[in-house]
Amino acid sequence: MEFILIAAIGGIVIGAFAGFYYQKNITQKSMGAAAQTAEAIVKNARQEAATLRKEAEVESKELLIKTRQEAERDLKERKKELSQIENRLLSKEGNIDKKLDSLDQKEERLNQKENAIQARENDLEEKSRELEHGLERQRQELERISGLTQEAAKQMLMEQMLHEARVESAKQAKQIEEEALEEAERKAKKYISTAIGRLSSDTVSEMTVSVVDLPNDEMKGRIIGREGRNIRALEDVTGINLIIDDTPEAVILSGYDAIKREVARLSLEKLITDGRIHPARIEEVVEKTRKEVDRTIKEAGESAIFELGINNIHPELVRLIGRLKYRTSYGQNIYKHSIEVAYICGILAAELGVNVQVAKRAGLLHDIGKAVDHEVEGSHAIIGADLAKKYGEKPEIVNAIGAHHGEMEMDSVEAVLVQAGDAISAARPGARREVLENYIKRLKKLEEIADSFDEVEKAFAIQAGREVRIIVKSEQVNDSQVHLLSKDISKKIESELTYPGQIKVTVIRETRAVEYAR
């Protein structure tokens, strides 16, 4: 057993030694292969490094050659540019030399001319001295012959020139004013047309109120109503202010719209007669009265058309003609004024042999714009022309309406007739209301202003103060000064007198020679 055990142990030991040697041999072989591989890698790396170094040397040489070529090319271009600049500088230098030579020549010529001019100036100074001596000798000779000194002659000449200048300025002023007369008159009419229909303070008070008589003063309380409900209802429905004051047995209606004021007046009279005054009844009565007034307006328009024998007028124009019944201009009723202008235009047209119907139609419609001028912006002439055009009137009618205050150019004889008829109707005595006392004072003041001038012999206010005729002293005023005097009088009238429209100033100068044959 021991032998067997020893043999087994020996076998194991022998096997272990055999395995160790075997593993050692394998490790040595691996290390040899690795060393060979490392040597091969190093060798390859050295070869690649050598190759890269050679390539880098080649590339650096090529880059150096390329850079050197570019530098040489840039240098050639710079040299070429410098050569061109040098050539241009040489060329400019040559041109400058030529110009300098030319300037030298011009300077020499200028010096020659300057010398010639200086010589001529010397000659002129000499001649001027000779002329002064000659004029002095002539002045002395003239003073000896005329017996006047130089100062006296100057004074006489100045007076003569001043007189001639005044006469010439008067002529020119008259010519300028005549040339501007048409334009000035057109502008004046524009301003006057806006003022027509605007009333003075007294007339406004008279023409914007209506008075309703009451049976007794107790009726005032009923009109006012409990806590003022009746009077508020009346004012709200009619648009008219009711003034209830200490005036015995009367109520005042105030408002600028004459139609609304008429509706309020008739409604209040009906309510007073009926005796039932409360808000519901007030609204009912006012509505009925408004319809009655509308019928009255329509009937008034139809009556005017029938009276004048005019046909085919648009119903809306007929209604506007009727509205003129409640429109006034400086106290003159526009409805009656329009009918009157239509008659005047018809008569003038018949005398001149032009279309009578066109003239009458245009005359009737010429102030139609005043029916709505408180509702539409603009002058009543332009408003009326627009209305006539809107409702199918002929162009000559439209033009006559728009041109009767000079705001449009006149295209026909009928337009001139309408303007003349309007002026005749408005200017006749009594057509437009004015307080008699103020009227007389205005006429006297007008004559006093004219008489305040020393050159005036007598002044007369005519045509209801629309014209003043002045007779001047013919020995103090010549024909050229008449125009200046009329202008001065006009300015003084404008500054010291208040009047409607315009005043014509006519200055008359006449020289009478009287001799008796015996």
Protein backbone atom coordinates (compact mmCIF):
# COMPACT_ATOMS: atom_id res chain seq x y z
CA MET A 1 0.00 0.00 0.00
CA GLU A 2 2.75 2.31 0.90
CA PHE A 3 4.39 1.49 -2.39
CA ILE A 4 1.28 2.10 -4.23
CA LEU A 5 0.74 5.35 -2.35
CA ILE A 6 4.29 6.46 -3.05
CA ALA A 7 3.90 5.51 -6.68
CA ALA A 8 0.71 7.48 -6.91
CA ILE A 9 2.26 10.49 -5.28
CA GLY A 10 5.24 10.20 -7.55
CA GLY A 11 2.95 10.04 -10.56
CA ILE A 12 1.18 13.13 -9.46
CA VAL A 13 4.39 15.01 -8.91
CA ILE A 14 5.74 13.90 -12.24
CA GLY A 15 2.51 14.98 -13.93
CA ALA A 16 2.68 18.38 -12.27
CA PHE A 17 6.25 18.96 -13.37
CA ALA A 18 5.35 17.84 -16.84
CA GLY A 19 2.44 20.29 -16.97
CA PHE A 20 4.62 23.16 -15.68
CA TYR A 21 7.21 22.60 -18.35
CA TYR A 22 4.54 22.35 -20.96
CA GLN A 23 2.93 25.65 -19.89
CA LYS A 24 6.34 27.33 -19.81
CA ASN A 25 7.03 26.28 -23.36
CA ILE A 26 3.68 27.67 -24.49
CA THR A 27 4.27 31.02 -22.72
CA GLN A 28 7.70 31.37 -24.24
CA LYS A 29 6.32 30.73 -27.66
CA SER A 30 3.57 33.40 -27.16
CA MET A 31 6.06 35.98 -25.96
CA GLY A 32 8.18 35.36 -29.00
CA ALA A 33 5.23 35.87 -31.31
CA ALA A 34 4.23 39.08 -29.51
CA ALA A 35 7.74 40.43 -29.78
CA GLN A 36 7.75 39.70 -33.48
CA THR A 37 4.38 41.42 -33.85
CA ALA A 38 5.55 44.50 -31.91
CA GLU A 39 8.67 44.72 -34.05
CA ALA A 40 6.51 44.53 -37.17
CA ILE A 41 4.19 47.28 -35.87
CA VAL A 42 7.13 49.54 -34.98
CA LYS A 43 8.68 48.92 -38.33
CA ASN A 44 5.43 49.77 -40.10
CA ALA A 45 4.97 52.93 -37.96
CA ARG A 46 8.48 54.06 -38.83
CA GLN A 47 7.82 53.46 -42.50
CA GLU A 48 4.50 55.40 -42.33
CA ALA A 49 6.13 58.25 -40.42
CA ALA A 50 8.82 58.46 -43.02
CA THR A 51 6.19 58.45 -45.74
CA LEU A 52 4.15 61.23 -44.02
CA ARG A 53 7.28 63.31 -43.48
CA LYS A 54 8.12 63.05 -47.14
CA GLU A 55 4.57 63.97 -48.15
CA ALA A 56 4.57 66.95 -45.75
CA GLU A 57 7.88 68.14 -47.18
CA VAL A 58 6.48 67.84 -50.70
CA GLU A 59 3.27 69.73 -49.78
CA SER A 60 5.20 72.49 -47.99
CA LYS A 61 7.42 72.92 -51.01
CA GLU A 62 4.39 73.07 -53.32
CA LEU A 63 2.66 75.65 -51.01
CA LEU A 64 5.80 77.71 -50.88
CA ILE A 65 6.06 77.66 -54.67
CA LYS A 66 2.35 78.62 -55.03
CA THR A 67 2.66 81.43 -52.48
CA ARG A 68 5.74 82.75 -54.23
CA GLN A 69 3.92 82.68 -57.59
CA GLU A 70 0.88 84.57 -56.18
CA ALA A 71 3.16 87.13 -54.58
CA GLU A 72 4.98 87.63 -57.85
CA ARG A 73 1.64 87.96 -59.70
CA ASP A 74 0.32 90.57 -57.17
CA LEU A 75 3.58 92.44 -57.43
CA LYS A 76 3.25 92.57 -61.22
CA GLU A 77 -0.34 93.87 -60.95
CA ARG A 78 0.71 96.51 -58.42
CA LYS A 79 3.52 97.58 -60.69
CA LYS A 80 1.10 97.78 -63.59
CA GLU A 81 -1.35 99.90 -61.57
CA LEU A 82 1.45 102.17 -60.37
CA SER A 83 2.56 102.53 -63.95
CA GLN A 84 -0.94 103.52 -65.04
CA ILE A 85 -1.28 106.02 -62.15
CA GLU A 86 2.08 107.46 -63.05
CA ASN A 87 0.96 107.87 -66.66
CA ARG A 88 -2.28 109.61 -65.57
CA LEU A 89 -0.37 111.92 -63.25
CA LEU A 90 1.99 112.79 -66.04
CA SER A 91 -0.98 113.47 -68.33
CA LYS A 92 -2.69 115.68 -65.70
CA GLU A 93 0.55 117.47 -65.06
CA GLY A 94 0.73 118.24 -68.76
CA ASN A 95 -2.87 119.50 -68.78
CA ILE A 96 -2.20 121.66 -65.73
CA ASP A 97 0.81 123.15 -67.46
CA LYS A 98 -1.36 123.95 -70.47
CA LYS A 99 -4.04 125.53 -68.25
CA LEU A 100 -1.45 127.57 -66.44
CA ASP A 101 -0.20 128.83 -69.75
CA SER A 102 -3.78 129.66 -70.78
CA LEU A 103 -4.41 131.47 -67.47
CA ASP A 104 -1.27 133.48 -67.92
CA GLN A 105 -2.48 134.53 -71.37
CA LYS A 106 -5.94 135.44 -70.02
CA GLU A 107 -4.40 137.41 -67.16
CA GLU A 108 -2.35 139.32 -69.65
CA ARG A 109 -5.44 140.09 -71.75
CA LEU A 110 -7.36 141.14 -68.62
CA ASN A 111 -4.57 143.47 -67.65
CA GLN A 112 -4.74 145.02 -71.09
CA LYS A 113 -8.53 145.43 -70.85
CA GLU A 114 -8.21 146.88 -67.33
CA ASN A 115 -5.77 149.43 -68.60
CA ALA A 116 -8.15 150.28 -71.44
CA ILE A 117 -11.10 150.61 -69.01
CA GLN A 118 -9.05 152.78 -66.69
CA ALA A 119 -8.25 155.02 -69.60
CA ARG A 120 -11.93 155.24 -70.57
CA GLU A 121 -12.88 156.03 -66.95
CA ASN A 122 -10.42 158.85 -66.95
CA ASP A 123 -11.94 160.15 -70.16
CA LEU A 124 -15.47 159.84 -68.72
CA GLU A 125 -14.49 161.68 -65.55
CA GLU A 126 -13.08 164.45 -67.64
CA LYS A 127 -16.23 164.62 -69.76
CA SER A 128 -18.41 164.49 -66.63
CA ARG A 129 -16.59 167.47 -65.17
CA GLU A 130 -17.05 169.32 -68.41
CA LEU A 131 -20.79 168.41 -68.42
CA GLU A 132 -21.24 169.62 -64.85
CA HIS A 133 -19.62 172.90 -65.75
CA GLY A 134 -21.92 173.17 -68.76
CA LEU A 135 -25.04 172.38 -66.68
CA GLU A 136 -24.02 174.94 -64.09
CA ARG A 137 -23.63 177.59 -66.80
CA GLN A 138 -27.05 176.59 -68.23
CA ARG A 139 -28.71 176.71 -64.78
CA GLN A 140 -27.30 180.17 -64.15
CA GLU A 141 -28.49 181.30 -67.57
CA LEU A 142 -32.00 179.81 -66.92
CA GLU A 143 -32.19 181.54 -63.53
CA ARG A 144 -31.21 184.82 -65.17
CA ILE A 145 -33.79 184.42 -67.95
CA SER A 146 -36.71 183.09 -65.80
CA GLY A 147 -36.07 185.18 -62.73
CA LEU A 148 -36.47 182.07 -60.51
CA THR A 149 -33.99 180.58 -58.14
CA GLN A 150 -33.20 176.90 -58.12
CA GLU A 151 -35.22 176.31 -54.94
CA ALA A 152 -38.23 178.18 -56.32
CA ALA A 153 -38.10 176.19 -59.53
CA LYS A 154 -37.88 172.94 -57.54
CA GLN A 155 -40.87 173.94 -55.43
CA MET A 156 -42.93 174.81 -58.50
CA LEU A 157 -41.96 171.55 -60.19
CA MET A 158 -42.82 169.52 -57.07
CA GLU A 159 -46.22 171.16 -56.77
CA GLN A 160 -46.95 170.48 -60.41
CA MET A 161 -45.82 166.86 -60.10
CA LEU A 162 -47.87 166.40 -56.91
CA HIS A 163 -50.98 167.74 -58.63
CA GLU A 164 -50.41 165.50 -61.63
CA ALA A 165 -49.80 162.53 -59.33
CA ARG A 166 -53.05 163.17 -57.48
CA VAL A 167 -54.99 163.42 -60.71
CA GLU A 168 -53.31 160.31 -62.10
CA SER A 169 -53.89 158.36 -58.87
CA ALA A 170 -57.56 159.36 -58.92
CA LYS A 171 -57.87 158.12 -62.51
CA GLN A 172 -56.10 154.86 -61.71
CA ALA A 173 -58.17 154.36 -58.57
CA LYS A 174 -61.34 154.86 -60.57
CA GLN A 175 -60.15 152.45 -63.26
CA ILE A 176 -59.19 149.81 -60.70
CA GLU A 177 -62.48 150.18 -58.88
CA GLU A 178 -64.44 149.89 -62.11
CA GLU A 179 -62.52 146.77 -63.07
CA ALA A 180 -63.13 145.25 -59.63
CA LEU A 181 -66.76 146.38 -59.45
CA GLU A 182 -68.22 143.16 -60.79
CA GLU A 183 -66.22 140.96 -58.40
CA ALA A 184 -66.84 143.29 -55.46
CA GLU A 185 -70.56 143.41 -56.17
CA ARG A 186 -70.72 139.62 -56.34
CA LYS A 187 -69.01 139.29 -52.96
CA ALA A 188 -71.18 142.03 -51.46
CA LYS A 189 -74.32 140.25 -52.63
CA LYS A 190 -73.09 137.06 -51.06
CA TYR A 191 -72.70 138.75 -47.71
CA ILE A 192 -75.97 140.64 -48.05
CA SER A 193 -77.89 137.49 -49.00
CA THR A 194 -76.86 135.88 -45.74
CA ALA A 195 -78.06 138.94 -43.87
CA ILE A 196 -81.44 139.15 -45.64
CA GLY A 197 -84.08 137.66 -43.44
CA ARG A 198 -82.07 138.27 -40.28
CA LEU A 199 -83.96 140.81 -38.30
CA SER A 200 -83.00 143.70 -36.08
CA SER A 201 -83.61 143.31 -32.37
CA ASP A 202 -86.97 145.10 -32.43
CA THR A 203 -88.15 143.16 -35.45
CA VAL A 204 -86.96 139.86 -33.96
CA SER A 205 -89.03 140.54 -30.86
CA GLU A 206 -92.02 141.32 -33.03
CA MET A 207 -91.69 138.54 -35.61
CA THR A 208 -90.78 135.61 -33.34
CA VAL A 209 -93.72 135.80 -30.91
CA SER A 210 -97.47 135.31 -31.14
CA VAL A 211 -100.03 136.50 -28.58
CA VAL A 212 -103.06 134.42 -27.63
CA ASP A 213 -105.89 136.32 -25.92
CA LEU A 214 -107.47 134.71 -22.87
CA PRO A 215 -111.08 135.14 -21.65
CA ASN A 216 -109.78 135.76 -18.12
CA ASP A 217 -106.63 135.45 -16.03
CA GLU A 218 -107.90 132.27 -14.37
CA MET A 219 -107.28 130.48 -17.65
CA LYS A 220 -103.52 130.92 -17.10
CA GLY A 221 -103.64 128.50 -14.18
CA ARG A 222 -105.50 125.92 -16.24
CA ILE A 223 -102.96 126.27 -19.04
CA ILE A 224 -100.11 125.72 -16.58
CA GLY A 225 -101.88 122.73 -14.99
CA ARG A 226 -101.04 120.85 -11.85
CA GLU A 227 -97.29 121.13 -11.21
CA GLY A 228 -96.93 122.57 -14.73
CA ARG A 229 -97.82 119.37 -16.58
CA ASN A 230 -100.10 121.09 -19.15
CA ILE A 231 -97.61 123.78 -20.16
CA ARG A 232 -94.81 121.21 -20.38
CA ALA A 233 -96.97 119.00 -22.58
CA LEU A 234 -97.75 121.97 -24.86
CA GLU A 235 -94.10 122.94 -25.18
CA ASP A 236 -92.92 119.37 -25.78
CA VAL A 237 -95.54 118.63 -28.45
CA THR A 238 -95.33 121.96 -30.32
CA GLY A 239 -91.66 122.84 -29.79
CA ILE A 240 -92.67 126.41 -28.87
CA ASN A 241 -92.03 128.20 -25.58
CA LEU A 242 -95.06 129.54 -23.68
CA ILE A 243 -94.48 132.71 -21.70
CA ILE A 244 -97.07 133.33 -19.01
CA ASP A 245 -96.30 136.57 -17.19
CA ASP A 246 -98.15 139.54 -15.74
CA THR A 247 -99.60 140.54 -19.09
CA PRO A 248 -103.36 140.67 -18.45
CA GLU A 249 -105.49 138.08 -20.26
CA ALA A 250 -102.74 137.04 -22.68
CA VAL A 251 -100.22 134.27 -23.25
CA ILE A 252 -97.11 134.79 -25.39
CA LEU A 253 -95.82 132.06 -27.73
CA SER A 254 -92.13 132.40 -28.56
CA GLY A 255 -90.20 130.54 -31.29
CA TYR A 256 -88.33 131.15 -34.53
CA ASP A 257 -90.29 128.56 -36.54
CA ALA A 258 -93.40 130.43 -37.67
CA ILE A 259 -95.20 127.23 -38.70
CA LYS A 260 -94.72 125.60 -35.30
CA ARG A 261 -95.75 128.87 -33.65
CA GLU A 262 -98.92 128.94 -35.74
CA VAL A 263 -99.72 125.33 -34.81
CA ALA A 264 -99.23 126.19 -31.14
CA ARG A 265 -101.40 129.32 -31.41
CA LEU A 266 -104.32 127.55 -33.12
CA SER A 267 -104.06 124.57 -30.75
CA LEU A 268 -104.12 126.80 -27.67
CA GLU A 269 -107.11 128.75 -28.97
CA LYS A 270 -108.99 125.47 -29.54
CA LEU A 271 -108.11 124.20 -26.08
CA ILE A 272 -109.27 127.46 -24.48
CA THR A 273 -112.54 127.31 -26.40
CA ASP A 274 -113.07 123.64 -25.60
CA GLY A 275 -112.12 124.02 -21.95
CA ARG A 276 -110.66 120.52 -21.64
CA ILE A 277 -106.96 121.05 -21.03
CA HIS A 278 -104.88 118.02 -20.08
CA PRO A 279 -101.85 116.27 -21.68
CA ALA A 280 -103.81 113.66 -23.66
CA ARG A 281 -106.22 116.27 -25.03
CA ILE A 282 -103.30 118.58 -25.84
CA GLU A 283 -101.58 115.92 -27.97
CA GLU A 284 -104.83 115.18 -29.81
CA VAL A 285 -105.60 118.83 -30.56
CA VAL A 286 -102.02 119.63 -31.65
CA GLU A 287 -101.98 116.69 -34.06
CA LYS A 288 -105.26 117.77 -35.65
CA THR A 289 -104.09 121.37 -35.85
CA ARG A 290 -100.81 120.34 -37.47
CA LYS A 291 -102.75 118.55 -40.21
CA GLU A 292 -104.95 121.64 -40.70
CA VAL A 293 -101.87 123.86 -41.02
CA ASP A 294 -100.37 121.42 -43.56
CA ARG A 295 -103.57 121.70 -45.60
CA THR A 296 -103.42 125.47 -45.31
CA ILE A 297 -99.82 125.45 -46.54
CA LYS A 298 -100.74 123.27 -49.51
CA GLU A 299 -103.75 125.46 -50.34
CA ALA A 300 -101.57 128.59 -50.15
CA GLY A 301 -99.08 127.08 -52.61
CA GLU A 302 -101.84 125.99 -54.98
CA SER A 303 -103.47 129.43 -54.73
CA ALA A 304 -100.21 131.16 -55.75
CA ILE A 305 -99.73 128.82 -58.70
CA PHE A 306 -103.34 129.29 -59.84
CA GLU A 307 -103.12 133.07 -59.46
CA LEU A 308 -100.01 133.24 -61.65
CA GLY A 309 -101.20 130.66 -64.20
CA ILE A 310 -98.23 128.34 -63.75
CA ASN A 311 -98.59 124.60 -64.42
CA ASN A 312 -96.74 121.33 -63.77
CA ILE A 313 -94.94 122.20 -60.54
CA HIS A 314 -93.84 119.31 -58.35
CA PRO A 315 -96.13 118.83 -55.31
CA GLU A 316 -93.20 119.21 -52.93
CA LEU A 317 -92.35 122.61 -54.46
CA VAL A 318 -96.01 123.59 -54.10
CA ARG A 319 -95.82 122.75 -50.40
CA LEU A 320 -92.58 124.75 -50.01
CA ILE A 321 -94.22 127.77 -51.68
CA GLY A 322 -97.01 127.52 -49.11
CA ARG A 323 -94.45 127.40 -46.28
CA LEU A 324 -93.18 130.81 -47.40
CA LYS A 325 -96.47 132.22 -46.07
CA TYR A 326 -94.96 131.88 -42.60
CA ARG A 327 -91.51 133.24 -43.52
CA THR A 328 -90.51 136.90 -43.36
CA SER A 329 -87.39 138.83 -44.32
CA TYR A 330 -86.91 142.13 -42.52
CA GLY A 331 -90.64 142.34 -41.97
CA GLN A 332 -91.54 141.46 -45.57
CA ASN A 333 -93.65 138.31 -46.08
CA ILE A 334 -91.72 136.04 -48.46
CA TYR A 335 -94.89 134.40 -49.85
CA LYS A 336 -96.30 137.75 -51.00
CA HIS A 337 -92.85 138.91 -52.04
CA SER A 338 -92.41 135.84 -54.30
CA ILE A 339 -95.79 136.40 -55.98
CA GLU A 340 -94.93 140.05 -56.47
CA VAL A 341 -91.53 139.20 -58.00
CA ALA A 342 -93.25 136.72 -60.35
CA TYR A 343 -95.63 139.46 -61.55
CA ILE A 344 -92.75 141.92 -62.03
CA CYS A 345 -90.68 139.36 -63.95
CA GLY A 346 -93.66 138.53 -66.17
CA ILE A 347 -94.22 142.21 -67.01
CA LEU A 348 -90.53 142.80 -67.75
CA ALA A 349 -90.34 139.64 -69.88
CA ALA A 350 -93.36 140.73 -71.90
CA GLU A 351 -91.80 144.15 -72.50
CA LEU A 352 -88.51 142.58 -73.65
CA GLY A 353 -90.14 139.84 -75.72
CA VAL A 354 -88.64 136.89 -73.82
CA ASN A 355 -90.34 133.82 -72.31
CA VAL A 356 -92.96 135.15 -69.88
CA GLN A 357 -93.78 131.75 -68.33
CA VAL A 358 -90.13 131.00 -67.57
CA ALA A 359 -89.66 134.45 -66.00
CA LYS A 360 -92.81 134.14 -63.85
CA ARG A 361 -91.93 130.61 -62.77
CA ALA A 362 -88.38 131.59 -61.82
CA GLY A 363 -89.68 134.68 -60.00
CA LEU A 364 -92.11 132.62 -57.94
CA LEU A 365 -89.46 130.04 -57.01
CA HIS A 366 -86.51 132.40 -56.54
CA ASP A 367 -86.75 132.41 -52.72
CA ILE A 368 -87.92 128.79 -52.32
CA GLY A 369 -84.73 128.05 -50.41
CA LYS A 370 -85.91 130.25 -47.54
CA ALA A 371 -88.57 127.65 -46.76
CA VAL A 372 -85.84 125.29 -45.53
CA ASP A 373 -82.77 127.50 -44.97
CA HIS A 374 -83.04 126.97 -41.21
CA GLU A 375 -82.73 123.23 -41.80
CA VAL A 376 -80.01 123.14 -44.52
CA GLU A 377 -76.56 124.71 -44.51
CA GLY A 378 -75.82 127.34 -47.16
CA SER A 379 -77.37 130.44 -48.71
CA HIS A 380 -81.03 130.33 -49.67
CA ALA A 381 -80.24 130.96 -53.37
CA ILE A 382 -78.04 127.87 -53.69
CA ILE A 383 -80.42 125.81 -51.55
CA GLY A 384 -83.33 126.89 -53.78
CA ALA A 385 -81.41 126.01 -56.95
CA ASP A 386 -80.65 122.55 -55.56
CA LEU A 387 -84.31 122.01 -54.65
CA ALA A 388 -85.50 123.13 -58.09
CA LYS A 389 -83.01 120.80 -59.78
CA LYS A 390 -84.03 117.95 -57.48
CA TYR A 391 -87.72 118.32 -58.36
CA GLY A 392 -87.26 118.48 -62.14
CA GLU A 393 -87.18 122.20 -62.97
CA LYS A 394 -85.47 123.27 -66.21
CA PRO A 395 -81.83 124.40 -66.15
CA GLU A 396 -82.74 128.02 -66.91
CA ILE A 397 -85.08 128.07 -63.88
CA VAL A 398 -82.38 126.54 -61.67
CA ASN A 399 -79.84 129.09 -62.89
CA ALA A 400 -82.18 132.05 -62.32
CA ILE A 401 -82.85 130.90 -58.75
CA GLY A 402 -79.19 130.36 -57.93
CA ALA A 403 -77.96 133.55 -59.62
CA HIS A 404 -80.43 136.09 -58.24
CA HIS A 405 -77.88 137.09 -55.56
CA GLY A 406 -74.83 136.75 -57.79
CA GLU A 407 -73.69 133.40 -56.37
CA MET A 408 -73.87 131.75 -59.81
CA GLU A 409 -73.13 133.04 -63.28
CA MET A 410 -76.26 134.15 -65.14
CA ASP A 411 -76.96 132.09 -68.26
CA SER A 412 -80.13 133.77 -69.55
CA VAL A 413 -82.09 137.01 -69.74
CA GLU A 414 -84.69 135.54 -67.36
CA ALA A 415 -82.02 135.26 -64.64
CA VAL A 416 -81.31 138.98 -64.96
CA LEU A 417 -85.05 139.71 -64.78
CA VAL A 418 -85.41 137.69 -61.56
CA GLN A 419 -82.57 139.62 -59.96
CA ALA A 420 -84.12 142.93 -61.04
CA GLY A 421 -87.62 141.89 -59.90
CA ASP A 422 -86.29 140.82 -56.50
CA ALA A 423 -84.52 144.16 -56.03
CA ILE A 424 -87.61 146.13 -57.13
CA SER A 425 -89.93 144.27 -54.77
CA ALA A 426 -87.57 144.60 -51.81
CA ALA A 427 -86.63 148.23 -52.44
CA ARG A 428 -90.06 149.76 -52.96
CA PRO A 429 -91.18 152.08 -50.13
CA GLY A 430 -93.05 150.20 -47.44
CA ALA A 431 -91.95 146.75 -48.55
CA ARG A 432 -89.73 146.15 -45.58
CA ARG A 433 -90.68 147.21 -42.11
CA GLU A 434 -88.69 149.71 -40.14
CA VAL A 435 -89.58 151.86 -37.16
CA LEU A 436 -90.53 155.31 -38.50
CA GLU A 437 -88.51 157.21 -35.94
CA ASN A 438 -85.35 155.20 -36.64
CA TYR A 439 -85.98 155.54 -40.38
CA ILE A 440 -86.15 159.35 -40.19
CA LYS A 441 -83.08 159.50 -37.97
CA ARG A 442 -81.15 157.37 -40.43
CA LEU A 443 -82.06 159.61 -43.36
CA LYS A 444 -81.05 162.76 -41.45
CA LYS A 445 -77.79 161.18 -40.33
CA LEU A 446 -77.05 160.14 -43.90
CA GLU A 447 -77.45 163.72 -45.15
CA GLU A 448 -75.45 165.11 -42.22
CA ILE A 449 -72.50 162.82 -43.00
CA ALA A 450 -72.45 163.98 -46.61
CA ASP A 451 -72.82 167.67 -45.62
CA SER A 452 -69.84 167.40 -43.25
CA PHE A 453 -67.45 167.60 -46.24
CA ASP A 454 -66.42 171.15 -47.24
CA GLU A 455 -66.70 170.39 -50.95
CA VAL A 456 -70.38 169.38 -50.65
CA GLU A 457 -72.98 172.03 -51.49
CA LYS A 458 -76.13 169.93 -50.84
CA ALA A 459 -76.99 166.28 -50.12
CA PHE A 460 -80.30 164.47 -50.62
CA ALA A 461 -81.22 161.00 -49.26
CA ILE A 462 -83.55 159.27 -51.73
CA GLN A 463 -85.08 155.84 -52.41
CA ALA A 464 -85.95 155.26 -48.75
CA GLY A 465 -82.35 155.88 -47.72
CA ARG A 466 -80.84 153.43 -50.20
CA GLU A 467 -79.12 156.22 -52.16
CA VAL A 468 -77.68 159.63 -51.36
CA ARG A 469 -77.11 162.15 -54.14
CA ILE A 470 -74.55 164.83 -53.48
CA ILE A 471 -74.06 168.10 -55.37
CA VAL A 472 -70.53 169.45 -54.97
CA LYS A 473 -69.07 172.91 -55.48
CA SER A 474 -67.69 172.78 -58.98
CA GLU A 475 -65.08 175.46 -58.31
CA GLN A 476 -63.53 173.38 -55.48
CA VAL A 477 -63.68 169.92 -57.03
CA ASN A 478 -62.57 168.86 -60.49
CA ASP A 479 -63.75 165.82 -62.42
CA SER A 480 -60.84 163.66 -61.26
CA GLN A 481 -61.45 164.44 -57.58
CA VAL A 482 -65.15 163.52 -57.71
CA HIS A 483 -64.34 159.84 -57.53
CA LEU A 484 -62.10 160.27 -54.47
CA LEU A 485 -64.78 162.34 -52.72
CA SER A 486 -67.46 159.69 -53.29
CA LYS A 487 -65.11 157.06 -51.87
CA ASP A 488 -64.38 159.15 -48.75
CA ILE A 489 -68.08 159.75 -48.13
CA SER A 490 -68.82 156.03 -48.53
CA LYS A 491 -66.15 155.11 -45.97
CA LYS A 492 -67.52 157.62 -43.47
CA ILE A 493 -71.06 156.29 -43.93
CA GLU A 494 -69.83 152.74 -43.35
CA SER A 495 -68.01 153.71 -40.14
CA GLU A 496 -70.74 155.92 -38.59
CA LEU A 497 -74.09 154.53 -39.76
CA THR A 498 -75.90 151.20 -39.29
CA TYR A 499 -78.25 150.24 -42.13
CA PRO A 500 -79.63 147.17 -43.94
CA GLY A 501 -78.27 146.28 -47.37
CA GLN A 502 -76.18 148.92 -49.11
CA ILE A 503 -76.30 152.67 -49.81
CA LYS A 504 -75.40 154.11 -53.20
CA VAL A 505 -73.36 157.33 -53.09
CA THR A 506 -73.73 159.47 -56.21
CA VAL A 507 -71.61 162.63 -56.47
CA ILE A 508 -72.73 165.19 -59.09
CA ARG A 509 -70.53 167.99 -60.40
CA GLU A 510 -71.78 170.38 -63.03
CA THR A 511 -70.72 173.73 -64.38
CA ARG A 512 -73.40 176.02 -65.75
CA ALA A 513 -72.72 178.97 -68.02
CA VAL A 514 -75.61 181.44 -68.21
CA GLU A 515 -75.82 184.33 -70.65
CA TYR A 516 -78.74 186.43 -71.82
CA ALA A 517 -79.32 187.42 -75.42
CA ARG A 518 -80.78 190.93 -75.62
